[in-house]
């Protein structure tokens, strides 16, 4: 299973817009239920920093998230919304207890 963490900081005046775009992604995910995808988003205490955690178990390593239309809209012009652009890192799970969303 491939795990990815993405973090970024949006401009304060764009935080609400960013939350709406994220909300649309989750609405579409709940409708389409892509197989093998686990996904969570968190907003930090400063109100403008966001962290996305994604995991998928597709054999070719591709994420079904990239096919979600609302996610494509979320990605459009993301750098215009950000003070600090997205930084993606692959992560290796060492252990987990009651994964988010379960």
Protein backbone atom coordinates (compact mmCIF):
# COMPACT_ATOMS: atom_id res chain seq x y z
CA UNK A 1 0.00 0.00 0.00
CA UNK A 2 1.37 3.41 -0.98
CA UNK A 3 1.06 6.22 1.60
CA UNK A 4 1.46 9.94 0.83
CA UNK A 5 1.31 13.03 3.04
CA UNK A 6 0.82 16.49 1.51
CA UNK A 7 1.09 19.71 3.52
CA UNK A 8 0.61 23.33 2.52
CA UNK A 9 -0.37 26.72 3.87
CA UNK A 10 -3.06 28.82 2.19
CA UNK A 11 -3.45 32.58 2.21
CA UNK A 12 -5.75 33.53 5.12
CA UNK A 13 -8.32 35.10 2.79
CA UNK A 14 -8.46 31.85 0.76
CA UNK A 15 -8.88 29.36 3.64
CA UNK A 16 -12.68 29.26 3.28
CA UNK A 17 -12.44 28.66 -0.45
CA UNK A 18 -9.93 25.87 0.16
CA UNK A 19 -12.26 24.22 2.68
CA UNK A 20 -15.14 24.35 0.18
CA UNK A 21 -13.01 22.71 -2.50
CA UNK A 22 -11.98 19.99 -0.05
CA UNK A 23 -15.62 19.48 0.91
CA UNK A 24 -16.52 18.92 -2.73
CA UNK A 25 -13.81 16.26 -3.01
CA UNK A 26 -15.29 14.35 -0.07
CA UNK A 27 -18.82 14.69 -1.44
CA UNK A 28 -17.70 13.10 -4.70
CA UNK A 29 -15.70 10.41 -2.91
CA UNK A 30 -18.78 9.44 -0.90
CA UNK A 31 -20.73 9.12 -4.16
CA UNK A 32 -18.11 7.27 -6.21
CA UNK A 33 -16.41 5.22 -3.47
CA UNK A 34 -13.17 4.49 -5.37
CA UNK A 35 -11.76 1.09 -4.48
CA UNK A 36 -8.57 0.87 -2.48
CA UNK A 37 -8.43 4.53 -1.44
CA UNK A 38 -8.08 5.86 2.10
CA UNK A 39 -7.99 9.63 2.44
CA UNK A 40 -8.11 12.16 5.28
CA UNK A 41 -7.66 15.92 5.50
CA UNK A 42 -6.80 17.97 8.56
CA UNK A 43 -6.70 21.72 9.20
CA UNK A 44 -4.11 22.82 11.76
CA UNK A 45 -4.74 25.23 14.63
CA UNK A 46 -3.45 28.23 12.67
CA UNK A 47 -6.49 27.88 10.36
CA UNK A 48 -4.44 28.12 7.18
CA UNK A 49 -2.23 25.01 7.23
CA UNK A 50 -3.65 21.78 5.81
CA UNK A 51 -2.42 18.20 5.79
CA UNK A 52 -3.77 15.50 3.50
CA UNK A 53 -3.04 11.82 4.10
CA UNK A 54 -3.73 9.35 1.31
CA UNK A 55 -3.17 5.64 0.90
CA UNK A 56 -4.10 3.36 -1.95
CA UNK A 57 -3.59 -0.28 -2.75
CA UNK A 58 -3.69 -0.23 -6.54
CA UNK A 59 -1.16 -2.58 -8.08
CA UNK A 60 0.38 0.05 -10.36
CA UNK A 61 0.69 2.60 -7.54
CA UNK A 62 -1.63 5.09 -9.22
CA UNK A 63 -4.13 6.85 -7.00
CA UNK A 64 -7.84 6.74 -7.82
CA UNK A 65 -7.95 10.25 -6.33
CA UNK A 66 -6.48 11.68 -9.54
CA UNK A 67 -9.65 10.64 -11.41
CA UNK A 68 -12.02 12.47 -9.04
CA UNK A 69 -13.33 15.56 -10.87
CA UNK A 70 -13.65 17.61 -7.67
CA UNK A 71 -10.03 16.77 -6.83
CA UNK A 72 -8.97 18.05 -10.25
CA UNK A 73 -10.80 21.32 -9.48
CA UNK A 74 -9.10 21.43 -6.07
CA UNK A 75 -5.69 21.11 -7.72
CA UNK A 76 -6.35 23.86 -10.28
CA UNK A 77 -4.58 27.06 -9.26
CA UNK A 78 -3.67 25.66 -5.84
CA UNK A 79 -0.44 27.66 -5.89
CA UNK A 80 -2.49 30.86 -6.25
CA UNK A 81 -4.30 29.97 -2.99
CA UNK A 82 -1.10 29.17 -1.10
CA UNK A 83 1.48 31.08 0.88
CA UNK A 84 3.50 27.86 1.04
CA UNK A 85 2.83 25.45 -1.79
CA UNK A 86 2.10 21.75 -1.41
CA UNK A 87 4.94 19.47 -0.40
CA UNK A 88 4.27 15.78 -0.96
CA UNK A 89 6.19 13.01 0.76
CA UNK A 90 5.88 9.26 0.64
CA UNK A 91 5.55 7.82 4.11
CA UNK A 92 6.11 4.34 5.46
CA UNK A 93 3.70 3.13 8.09
CA UNK A 94 5.40 1.78 11.18
CA UNK A 95 2.21 1.09 13.07
CA UNK A 96 -1.35 2.29 13.42
CA UNK A 97 -4.15 2.05 15.88
CA UNK A 98 -7.75 2.60 14.79
CA UNK A 99 -7.06 4.35 11.50
CA UNK A 100 -8.80 7.66 10.86
CA UNK A 101 -12.34 7.32 9.54
CA UNK A 102 -12.89 3.80 10.88
